Amino acid sequence: MNEPATEPSDEPLSPGLYIVATPIGNLSDLSPRAAAILARADAIAVEDSRVTARLLHHIGVKRPMLPYHDHNADRVRPGLVARMGSEAIALVSDAGTPLVSDPGFKLVRDARAAGHMVTTIPGPCAAIAALTLAGLPTDRFFFLGFLPAKEKARADTIAEIASVRATLILYESGPRLAATLSALTAGLGDRDAAVAREISKTFEETITAPLSTLAARYADAPPKGEIVIVVAPPGEAPPPEADAVDAALRDALARLPAAKAAGEVAKATGLNKRDLYARALAMKEEE
């Protein structure tokens, strides 16, 4: 069962879960459909009722709000899911698209498991907005959310994704920005990057530069506001030198048949396995 995209506004909403994206800055970014869903929902599950109250006031709406966040989700979730059998429950985060670095996926999972209708009302998302502002490749991207606060855990996470051939997107706070940019420089190299903050607000700003330059820029001047870091994918690695390839093949041939030795070196270098196999056979004949 799916909620029609343009159901008449004077009719009640069908029971179920409505995932509603809300503005990340300018309140006028709320879509007309999102406003209509919020106005007609039986209740709205919110991260912070004070934040959502300001949005509802902007569109002239008063609806019951139910706190739903990391600290109470396990306790509140069963009751919310039960209500979806007869009521339209809207889910919002403080800003942007719910579930993107916010609580909510378990609510969606449990609502589906209970057989309830689940639909989304798409809209603003800080990660995607920053990607469009950064001027970096957009064909493949990897969203990291917030990196760990502790230095070692942060470095370990960066090491895990260093070889990912995609533009990286992550969230950060002002006080931690310079340290995170420095850690990214150390773990990824001095890639091109962008720091976008206050997107769609009065003081929106996007600064593009190598990671080390950005780290130095913010070292003594932590910025305010919501911040997104976008980092370019790794550059193409230069092909290994012929002598290094021969050395690797020679080592592999000492342990493995030619075909398996070629496969091992191909996996390590990214070179063509067939070409490496031919070279391995030639090396065996030379011996």
C-alpha atoms as a PDB file:
ATOM      1  CA  MET A   1       0.000   0.000   0.000  1.00  0.00           C
ATOM      2  CA  ASN A   2       1.502   3.353  -1.034  1.00  0.00           C
ATOM      3  CA  GLU A   3       0.366   6.856  -0.162  1.00  0.00           C
ATOM      4  CA  PRO A   4      -0.479   8.794  -3.375  1.00  0.00           C
ATOM      5  CA  ALA A   5       1.974  11.616  -4.049  1.00  0.00           C
ATOM      6  CA  THR A   6      -0.803  14.188  -4.432  1.00  0.00           C
ATOM      7  CA  GLU A   7      -3.614  13.082  -2.118  1.00  0.00           C
ATOM      8  CA  PRO A   8      -6.221  15.855  -1.610  1.00  0.00           C
ATOM      9  CA  SER A   9      -5.239  17.964   1.383  1.00  0.00           C
ATOM     10  CA  ASP A  10      -8.684  17.832   2.990  1.00  0.00           C
ATOM     11  CA  GLU A  11      -8.642  14.039   3.340  1.00  0.00           C
ATOM     12  CA  PRO A  12      -6.964  12.230   6.253  1.00  0.00           C
ATOM     13  CA  LEU A  13      -3.638  10.526   5.664  1.00  0.00           C
ATOM     14  CA  SER A  14      -3.520   6.772   5.417  1.00  0.00           C
ATOM     15  CA  PRO A  15      -2.062   5.107   8.524  1.00  0.00           C
ATOM     16  CA  GLY A  16       1.670   4.387   8.455  1.00  0.00           C
ATOM     17  CA  LEU A  17       5.073   6.040   8.656  1.00  0.00           C
ATOM     18  CA  TYR A  18       5.925   9.213   6.734  1.00  0.00           C
ATOM     19  CA  ILE A  19       9.658  10.063   6.580  1.00  0.00           C
ATOM     20  CA  VAL A  20       9.746  13.842   6.079  1.00  0.00           C
ATOM     21  CA  ALA A  21      12.862  15.777   5.061  1.00  0.00           C
ATOM     22  CA  THR A  22      13.030  19.231   6.648  1.00  0.00           C
ATOM     23  CA  PRO A  23      15.162  22.323   5.877  1.00  0.00           C
ATOM     24  CA  ILE A  24      18.856  22.385   6.788  1.00  0.00           C
ATOM     25  CA  GLY A  25      18.801  26.180   6.893  1.00  0.00           C
ATOM     26  CA  ASN A  26      16.259  28.335   5.117  1.00  0.00           C
ATOM     27  CA  LEU A  27      12.803  27.318   6.322  1.00  0.00           C
ATOM     28  CA  SER A  28      11.391  28.119   2.886  1.00  0.00           C
ATOM     29  CA  ASP A  29      13.164  24.997   1.607  1.00  0.00           C
ATOM     30  CA  LEU A  30      10.378  22.874   3.119  1.00  0.00           C
ATOM     31  CA  SER A  31       8.435  21.445   0.188  1.00  0.00           C
ATOM     32  CA  PRO A  32       4.676  22.037  -0.110  1.00  0.00           C
ATOM     33  CA  ARG A  33       4.082  18.285   0.103  1.00  0.00           C
ATOM     34  CA  ALA A  34       6.204  17.992   3.266  1.00  0.00           C
ATOM     35  CA  ALA A  35       4.258  20.862   4.829  1.00  0.00           C
ATOM     36  CA  ALA A  36       0.955  19.197   3.932  1.00  0.00           C
ATOM     37  CA  ILE A  37       2.047  15.868   5.457  1.00  0.00           C
ATOM     38  CA  LEU A  38       3.159  17.539   8.696  1.00  0.00           C
ATOM     39  CA  ALA A  39      -0.114  19.458   8.898  1.00  0.00           C
ATOM     40  CA  ARG A  40      -2.195  16.286   8.533  1.00  0.00           C
ATOM     41  CA  ALA A  41      -0.155  13.758  10.504  1.00  0.00           C
ATOM     42  CA  ASP A  42      -1.732  12.408  13.664  1.00  0.00           C
ATOM     43  CA  ALA A  43       1.604  12.851  15.432  1.00  0.00           C
ATOM     44  CA  ILE A  44       5.204  13.762  14.594  1.00  0.00           C
ATOM     45  CA  ALA A  45       8.198  11.848  15.968  1.00  0.00           C
ATOM     46  CA  VAL A  46      10.934  14.436  16.566  1.00  0.00           C
ATOM     47  CA  GLU A  47      14.530  14.652  17.769  1.00  0.00           C
ATOM     48  CA  ASP A  48      14.029  17.960  19.595  1.00  0.00           C
ATOM     49  CA  SER A  49      10.526  19.370  20.009  1.00  0.00           C
ATOM     50  CA  ARG A  50      11.875  22.926  20.286  1.00  0.00           C
ATOM     51  CA  VAL A  51      13.479  22.699  16.839  1.00  0.00           C
ATOM     52  CA  THR A  52      10.431  21.157  15.187  1.00  0.00           C
ATOM     53  CA  ALA A  53       8.116  23.615  16.950  1.00  0.00           C
ATOM     54  CA  ARG A  54       9.865  26.486  15.157  1.00  0.00           C
ATOM     55  CA  LEU A  55       9.302  24.758  11.804  1.00  0.00           C
ATOM     56  CA  LEU A  56       5.642  24.073  12.561  1.00  0.00           C
ATOM     57  CA  HIS A  57       5.155  27.678  13.645  1.00  0.00           C
ATOM     58  CA  HIS A  58       6.658  28.793  10.319  1.00  0.00           C
ATOM     59  CA  ILE A  59       3.978  26.900   8.387  1.00  0.00           C
ATOM     60  CA  GLY A  60       1.204  27.757  10.847  1.00  0.00           C
ATOM     61  CA  VAL A  61       0.656  24.214  12.129  1.00  0.00           C
ATOM     62  CA  LYS A  62       0.215  22.659  15.562  1.00  0.00           C
ATOM     63  CA  ARG A  63       0.506  18.876  15.849  1.00  0.00           C
ATOM     64  CA  PRO A  64       1.326  16.503  18.732  1.00  0.00           C
ATOM     65  CA  MET A  65       5.060  15.840  18.933  1.00  0.00           C
ATOM     66  CA  LEU A  66       6.622  12.645  20.291  1.00  0.00           C
ATOM     67  CA  PRO A  67      10.314  12.652  21.277  1.00  0.00           C
ATOM     68  CA  TYR A  68      12.273  10.016  19.331  1.00  0.00           C
ATOM     69  CA  HIS A  69      16.066  10.102  19.597  1.00  0.00           C
ATOM     70  CA  ASP A  70      19.094   7.955  20.432  1.00  0.00           C
ATOM     71  CA  HIS A  71      18.433   8.015  24.167  1.00  0.00           C
ATOM     72  CA  ASN A  72      14.811   6.819  24.144  1.00  0.00           C
ATOM     73  CA  ALA A  73      14.409   5.026  20.799  1.00  0.00           C
ATOM     74  CA  ASP A  74      14.422   1.469  22.137  1.00  0.00           C
ATOM     75  CA  ARG A  75      11.762   2.317  24.702  1.00  0.00           C
ATOM     76  CA  VAL A  76       9.554   4.453  22.453  1.00  0.00           C
ATOM     77  CA  ARG A  77       9.774   2.488  19.200  1.00  0.00           C
ATOM     78  CA  PRO A  78       7.259  -0.316  19.981  1.00  0.00           C
ATOM     79  CA  GLY A  79       4.560   2.199  20.866  1.00  0.00           C
ATOM     80  CA  LEU A  80       5.160   4.224  17.706  1.00  0.00           C
ATOM     81  CA  VAL A  81       4.986   1.115  15.534  1.00  0.00           C
ATOM     82  CA  ALA A  82       1.755   0.035  17.211  1.00  0.00           C
ATOM     83  CA  ARG A  83       0.174   3.434  16.543  1.00  0.00           C
ATOM     84  CA  MET A  84       1.025   3.185  12.828  1.00  0.00           C
ATOM     85  CA  GLY A  85      -1.675   0.562  12.447  1.00  0.00           C
ATOM     86  CA  SER A  86      -4.356   3.244  12.827  1.00  0.00           C
ATOM     87  CA  GLU A  87      -2.527   6.594  12.716  1.00  0.00           C
ATOM     88  CA  ALA A  88      -0.282   8.551  10.333  1.00  0.00           C
ATOM     89  CA  ILE A  89       3.037   9.081  12.098  1.00  0.00           C
ATOM     90  CA  ALA A  90       5.523  11.525  10.578  1.00  0.00           C
ATOM     91  CA  LEU A  91       9.255  11.179  11.353  1.00  0.00           C
ATOM     92  CA  VAL A  92      11.524  14.234  11.200  1.00  0.00           C
ATOM     93  CA  SER A  93      15.058  15.013  12.302  1.00  0.00           C
ATOM     94  CA  ASP A  94      16.232  18.398  13.535  1.00  0.00           C
ATOM     95  CA  ALA A  95      17.387  19.217   9.997  1.00  0.00           C
ATOM     96  CA  GLY A  96      17.633  17.444   6.668  1.00  0.00           C
ATOM     97  CA  THR A  97      16.619  13.933   5.718  1.00  0.00           C
ATOM     98  CA  PRO A  98      15.836  11.554   8.614  1.00  0.00           C
ATOM     99  CA  LEU A  99      18.043   8.454   8.966  1.00  0.00           C
ATOM    100  CA  VAL A 100      21.074  10.168   7.331  1.00  0.00           C
ATOM    101  CA  SER A 101      23.437  10.248  10.328  1.00  0.00           C
ATOM    102  CA  ASP A 102      20.310  10.384  12.523  1.00  0.00           C
ATOM    103  CA  PRO A 103      18.247   7.790  14.411  1.00  0.00           C
ATOM    104  CA  GLY A 104      15.451   6.104  12.515  1.00  0.00           C
ATOM    105  CA  PHE A 105      16.427   3.054  10.491  1.00  0.00           C
ATOM    106  CA  LYS A 106      15.206   0.650  13.175  1.00  0.00           C
ATOM    107  CA  LEU A 107      11.848   2.403  13.196  1.00  0.00           C
ATOM    108  CA  VAL A 108      11.566   1.924   9.428  1.00  0.00           C
ATOM    109  CA  ARG A 109      12.622  -1.719   9.735  1.00  0.00           C
ATOM    110  CA  ASP A 110      10.114  -2.474  12.474  1.00  0.00           C
ATOM    111  CA  ALA A 111       7.309  -0.618  10.703  1.00  0.00           C
ATOM    112  CA  ARG A 112       7.872  -2.692   7.573  1.00  0.00           C
ATOM    113  CA  ALA A 113       8.074  -5.895   9.609  1.00  0.00           C
ATOM    114  CA  ALA A 114       4.689  -5.044  11.140  1.00  0.00           C
ATOM    115  CA  GLY A 115       3.198  -4.614   7.672  1.00  0.00           C
ATOM    116  CA  HIS A 116       2.648  -0.863   7.898  1.00  0.00           C
ATOM    117  CA  MET A 117       2.862   1.539   4.964  1.00  0.00           C
ATOM    118  CA  VAL A 118       6.202   3.404   4.850  1.00  0.00           C
ATOM    119  CA  THR A 119       6.823   6.303   2.493  1.00  0.00           C
ATOM    120  CA  THR A 120       9.289   9.172   2.205  1.00  0.00           C
ATOM    121  CA  ILE A 121       8.816  12.815   1.389  1.00  0.00           C
ATOM    122  CA  PRO A 122      12.232  13.718  -0.054  1.00  0.00           C
ATOM    123  CA  GLY A 123      13.938  17.034   0.455  1.00  0.00           C
ATOM    124  CA  PRO A 124      17.090  18.686   1.851  1.00  0.00           C
ATOM    125  CA  CYS A 125      20.180  16.668   2.824  1.00  0.00           C
ATOM    126  CA  ALA A 126      23.380  18.409   3.949  1.00  0.00           C
ATOM    127  CA  ALA A 127      25.645  15.692   2.534  1.00  0.00           C
ATOM    128  CA  ILE A 128      24.201  15.930  -0.974  1.00  0.00           C
ATOM    129  CA  ALA A 129      24.004  19.725  -0.854  1.00  0.00           C
ATOM    130  CA  ALA A 130      27.702  19.945   0.071  1.00  0.00           C
ATOM    131  CA  LEU A 131      28.618  17.509  -2.698  1.00  0.00           C
ATOM    132  CA  THR A 132      26.975  19.811  -5.236  1.00  0.00           C
ATOM    133  CA  LEU A 133      28.919  22.797  -3.865  1.00  0.00           C
ATOM    134  CA  ALA A 134      32.370  21.189  -3.657  1.00  0.00           C
ATOM    135  CA  GLY A 135      33.292  20.977  -7.331  1.00  0.00           C
ATOM    136  CA  LEU A 136      34.678  17.460  -6.819  1.00  0.00           C
ATOM    137  CA  PRO A 137      33.751  14.231  -8.684  1.00  0.00           C
ATOM    138  CA  THR A 138      30.125  13.246  -8.084  1.00  0.00           C
ATOM    139  CA  ASP A 139      29.844   9.960  -9.993  1.00  0.00           C
ATOM    140  CA  ARG A 140      30.766   7.915  -6.894  1.00  0.00           C
ATOM    141  CA  PHE A 141      30.661   9.087  -3.286  1.00  0.00           C
ATOM    142  CA  PHE A 142      30.983   7.504   0.151  1.00  0.00           C
ATOM    143  CA  PHE A 143      29.209   8.982   3.172  1.00  0.00           C
ATOM    144  CA  LEU A 144      31.007   8.579   6.517  1.00  0.00           C
ATOM    145  CA  GLY A 145      28.838  10.556   8.917  1.00  0.00           C
ATOM    146  CA  PHE A 146      30.919  11.700  11.906  1.00  0.00           C
ATOM    147  CA  LEU A 147      34.386  10.228  12.428  1.00  0.00           C
ATOM    148  CA  PRO A 148      35.237   8.889  15.915  1.00  0.00           C
ATOM    149  CA  ALA A 149      36.312  11.555  18.398  1.00  0.00           C
ATOM    150  CA  LYS A 150      39.290   9.622  19.787  1.00  0.00           C
ATOM    151  CA  GLU A 151      42.520  10.019  17.818  1.00  0.00           C
ATOM    152  CA  LYS A 152      43.376   6.341  17.285  1.00  0.00           C
ATOM    153  CA  ALA A 153      39.839   5.293  16.368  1.00  0.00           C
ATOM    154  CA  ARG A 154      39.634   8.211  13.949  1.00  0.00           C
ATOM    155  CA  ALA A 155      42.955   7.286  12.321  1.00  0.00           C
ATOM    156  CA  ASP A 156      41.872   3.636  12.044  1.00  0.00           C
ATOM    157  CA  THR A 157      38.622   4.637  10.334  1.00  0.00           C
ATOM    158  CA  ILE A 158      40.461   6.866   7.873  1.00  0.00           C
ATOM    159  CA  ALA A 159      42.898   4.046   7.088  1.00  0.00           C
ATOM    160  CA  GLU A 160      39.978   1.742   6.306  1.00  0.00           C
ATOM    161  CA  ILE A 161      38.626   4.052   3.615  1.00  0.00           C
ATOM    162  CA  ALA A 162      41.904   5.455   2.241  1.00  0.00           C
ATOM    163  CA  SER A 163      41.776   3.275  -0.873  1.00  0.00           C
ATOM    164  CA  VAL A 164      38.069   3.822  -1.616  1.00  0.00           C
ATOM    165  CA  ARG A 165      37.900   5.260  -5.122  1.00  0.00           C
ATOM    166  CA  ALA A 166      35.107   7.701  -4.428  1.00  0.00           C
ATOM    167  CA  THR A 167      34.579  11.218  -3.158  1.00  0.00           C
ATOM    168  CA  LEU A 168      34.246  11.157   0.644  1.00  0.00           C
ATOM    169  CA  ILE A 169      31.583  13.095   2.551  1.00  0.00           C
ATOM    170  CA  LEU A 170      31.580  13.522   6.318  1.00  0.00           C
ATOM    171  CA  TYR A 171      30.070  15.712   9.000  1.00  0.00           C
ATOM    172  CA  GLU A 172      32.034  17.562  11.656  1.00  0.00           C
ATOM    173  CA  SER A 173      31.667  20.160  14.394  1.00  0.00           C
ATOM    174  CA  GLY A 174      33.554  23.454  14.473  1.00  0.00           C
ATOM    175  CA  PRO A 175      35.793  22.693  17.481  1.00  0.00           C
ATOM    176  CA  ARG A 176      36.947  19.383  15.953  1.00  0.00           C
ATOM    177  CA  LEU A 177      37.265  20.561  12.348  1.00  0.00           C
ATOM    178  CA  ALA A 178      41.000  21.379  12.244  1.00  0.00           C
ATOM    179  CA  ALA A 179      41.990  18.134  13.990  1.00  0.00           C
ATOM    180  CA  THR A 180      39.847  16.097  11.600  1.00  0.00           C
ATOM    181  CA  LEU A 181      41.291  17.872   8.554  1.00  0.00           C
ATOM    182  CA  SER A 182      44.823  17.182   9.845  1.00  0.00           C
ATOM    183  CA  ALA A 183      43.971  13.526  10.430  1.00  0.00           C
ATOM    184  CA  LEU A 184      42.541  13.265   6.915  1.00  0.00           C
ATOM    185  CA  THR A 185      45.723  14.803   5.493  1.00  0.00           C
ATOM    186  CA  ALA A 186      47.873  12.295   7.386  1.00  0.00           C
ATOM    187  CA  GLY A 187      45.757   9.320   6.409  1.00  0.00           C
ATOM    188  CA  LEU A 188      44.764  10.173   2.840  1.00  0.00           C
ATOM    189  CA  GLY A 189      47.482  12.483   1.582  1.00  0.00           C
ATOM    190  CA  ASP A 190      47.002  16.116   0.653  1.00  0.00           C
ATOM    191  CA  ARG A 191      43.919  15.653  -1.512  1.00  0.00           C
ATOM    192  CA  ASP A 192      41.692  18.429  -2.805  1.00  0.00           C
ATOM    193  CA  ALA A 193      38.766  19.034  -0.462  1.00  0.00           C
ATOM    194  CA  ALA A 194      35.988  21.410   0.487  1.00  0.00           C
ATOM    195  CA  VAL A 195      34.529  22.628   3.763  1.00  0.00           C
ATOM    196  CA  ALA A 196      30.892  23.671   3.421  1.00  0.00           C
ATOM    197  CA  ARG A 197      29.026  25.213   6.322  1.00  0.00           C
ATOM    198  CA  GLU A 198      25.754  26.971   7.069  1.00  0.00           C
ATOM    199  CA  ILE A 199      24.297  25.625   3.823  1.00  0.00           C
ATOM    200  CA  SER A 200      21.205  27.585   2.699  1.00  0.00           C
ATOM    201  CA  LYS A 201      21.613  30.007   5.628  1.00  0.00           C
ATOM    202  CA  THR A 202      22.594  33.681   5.587  1.00  0.00           C
ATOM    203  CA  PHE A 203      26.307  33.046   6.091  1.00  0.00           C
ATOM    204  CA  GLU A 204      26.665  30.033   3.791  1.00  0.00           C
ATOM    205  CA  GLU A 205      30.311  29.404   2.938  1.00  0.00           C
ATOM    206  CA  THR A 206      32.227  26.825   0.909  1.00  0.00           C
ATOM    207  CA  ILE A 207      36.046  26.881   0.958  1.00  0.00           C
ATOM    208  CA  THR A 208      37.958  24.624  -1.453  1.00  0.00           C
ATOM    209  CA  ALA A 209      41.674  23.848  -1.062  1.00  0.00           C
ATOM    210  CA  PRO A 210      44.033  20.936  -0.329  1.00  0.00           C
ATOM    211  CA  LEU A 211      43.361  19.269   3.015  1.00  0.00           C
ATOM    212  CA  SER A 212      46.541  20.642   4.634  1.00  0.00           C
ATOM    213  CA  THR A 213      45.624  24.202   3.628  1.00  0.00           C
ATOM    214  CA  LEU A 214      42.145  23.810   5.081  1.00  0.00           C
ATOM    215  CA  ALA A 215      43.575  22.359   8.311  1.00  0.00           C
ATOM    216  CA  ALA A 216      45.878  25.375   8.691  1.00  0.00           C
ATOM    217  CA  ARG A 217      43.040  27.791   7.889  1.00  0.00           C
ATOM    218  CA  TYR A 218      40.834  26.515  10.691  1.00  0.00           C
ATOM    219  CA  ALA A 219      43.550  25.655  13.245  1.00  0.00           C
ATOM    220  CA  ASP A 220      43.207  28.924  15.150  1.00  0.00           C
ATOM    221  CA  ALA A 221      39.734  29.907  14.024  1.00  0.00           C
ATOM    222  CA  PRO A 222      37.180  27.128  14.526  1.00  0.00           C
ATOM    223  CA  PRO A 223      34.071  28.034  12.514  1.00  0.00           C
ATOM    224  CA  LYS A 224      30.526  27.988  13.790  1.00  0.00           C
ATOM    225  CA  GLY A 225      27.545  26.229  12.302  1.00  0.00           C
ATOM    226  CA  GLU A 226      26.817  22.891  10.661  1.00  0.00           C
ATOM    227  CA  ILE A 227      29.846  21.645   8.711  1.00  0.00           C
ATOM    228  CA  VAL A 228      30.328  19.138   5.895  1.00  0.00           C
ATOM    229  CA  ILE A 229      33.761  18.042   4.638  1.00  0.00           C
ATOM    230  CA  VAL A 230      34.048  16.725   1.086  1.00  0.00           C
ATOM    231  CA  VAL A 231      37.309  15.031   0.007  1.00  0.00           C
ATOM    232  CA  ALA A 232      38.396  14.113  -3.514  1.00  0.00           C
ATOM    233  CA  PRO A 233      38.990  10.438  -4.393  1.00  0.00           C
ATOM    234  CA  PRO A 234      42.569   9.148  -4.563  1.00  0.00           C
ATOM    235  CA  GLY A 235      44.532   9.862  -7.737  1.00  0.00           C
ATOM    236  CA  GLU A 236      45.546   7.159 -10.157  1.00  0.00           C
ATOM    237  CA  ALA A 237      48.488   5.172  -8.809  1.00  0.00           C
ATOM    238  CA  PRO A 238      51.507   5.031 -11.158  1.00  0.00           C
ATOM    239  CA  PRO A 239      52.152   1.607 -12.685  1.00  0.00           C
ATOM    240  CA  PRO A 240      54.812  -0.414 -10.866  1.00  0.00           C
ATOM    241  CA  GLU A 241      58.327  -0.479 -12.348  1.00  0.00           C
ATOM    242  CA  ALA A 242      59.198  -3.504 -14.499  1.00  0.00           C
ATOM    243  CA  ASP A 243      62.023  -4.509 -12.149  1.00  0.00           C
ATOM    244  CA  ALA A 244      59.643  -4.462  -9.182  1.00  0.00           C
ATOM    245  CA  VAL A 245      57.141  -6.616 -11.085  1.00  0.00           C
ATOM    246  CA  ASP A 246      59.849  -9.127 -11.996  1.00  0.00           C
ATOM    247  CA  ALA A 247      60.998  -9.250  -8.389  1.00  0.00           C
ATOM    248  CA  ALA A 248      57.453  -9.934  -7.220  1.00  0.00           C
ATOM    249  CA  LEU A 249      56.995 -12.657  -9.838  1.00  0.00           C
ATOM    250  CA  ARG A 250      60.328 -14.233  -8.927  1.00  0.00           C
ATOM    251  CA  ASP A 251      59.313 -14.375  -5.275  1.00  0.00           C
ATOM    252  CA  ALA A 252      55.917 -15.863  -6.144  1.00  0.00           C
ATOM    253  CA  LEU A 253      57.429 -18.436  -8.544  1.00  0.00           C
ATOM    254  CA  ALA A 254      59.634 -19.710  -5.745  1.00  0.00           C
ATOM    255  CA  ARG A 255      56.462 -20.766  -3.936  1.00  0.00           C
ATOM    256  CA  LEU A 256      53.782 -21.269  -6.559  1.00  0.00           C
ATOM    257  CA  PRO A 257      53.148 -22.604 -10.083  1.00  0.00           C
ATOM    258  CA  ALA A 258      53.316 -19.972 -12.832  1.00  0.00           C
ATOM    259  CA  ALA A 259      49.533 -19.488 -13.116  1.00  0.00           C
ATOM    260  CA  LYS A 260      49.043 -18.978  -9.383  1.00  0.00           C
ATOM    261  CA  ALA A 261      52.118 -16.760  -9.144  1.00  0.00           C
ATOM    262  CA  ALA A 262      50.713 -14.563 -11.915  1.00  0.00           C
ATOM    263  CA  GLY A 263      47.370 -14.387 -10.133  1.00  0.00           C
ATOM    264  CA  GLU A 264      48.994 -13.354  -6.859  1.00  0.00           C
ATOM    265  CA  VAL A 265      51.013 -10.567  -8.479  1.00  0.00           C
ATOM    266  CA  ALA A 266      48.018  -9.431 -10.544  1.00  0.00           C
ATOM    267  CA  LYS A 267      45.961  -9.039  -7.384  1.00  0.00           C
ATOM    268  CA  ALA A 268      48.744  -7.060  -5.683  1.00  0.00           C
ATOM    269  CA  THR A 269      49.553  -4.751  -8.594  1.00  0.00           C
ATOM    270  CA  GLY A 270      46.362  -4.497 -10.621  1.00  0.00           C
ATOM    271  CA  LEU A 271      48.230  -5.629 -13.747  1.00  0.00           C
ATOM    272  CA  ASN A 272      46.791  -8.017 -16.328  1.00  0.00           C
ATOM    273  CA  LYS A 273      47.013 -11.639 -15.169  1.00  0.00           C
ATOM    274  CA  ARG A 274      47.503 -12.999 -18.699  1.00  0.00           C
ATOM    275  CA  ASP A 275      50.459 -10.688 -19.334  1.00  0.00           C
ATOM    276  CA  LEU A 276      51.981 -11.634 -15.991  1.00  0.00           C
ATOM    277  CA  TYR A 277      51.533 -15.329 -16.756  1.00  0.00           C
ATOM    278  CA  ALA A 278      53.391 -14.911 -20.068  1.00  0.00           C
ATOM    279  CA  ARG A 279      56.172 -13.053 -18.262  1.00  0.00           C
ATOM    280  CA  ALA A 280      56.331 -15.772 -15.583  1.00  0.00           C
ATOM    281  CA  LEU A 281      56.741 -18.480 -18.252  1.00  0.00           C
ATOM    282  CA  ALA A 282      59.483 -16.453 -19.949  1.00  0.00           C
ATOM    283  CA  MET A 283      61.288 -16.052 -16.633  1.00  0.00           C
ATOM    284  CA  LYS A 284      61.150 -19.818 -16.021  1.00  0.00           C
ATOM    285  CA  GLU A 285      62.623 -20.474 -19.477  1.00  0.00           C
ATOM    286  CA  GLU A 286      65.405 -17.962 -18.840  1.00  0.00           C
ATOM    287  CA  GLU A 287      66.358 -19.907 -15.745  1.00  0.00           C
END
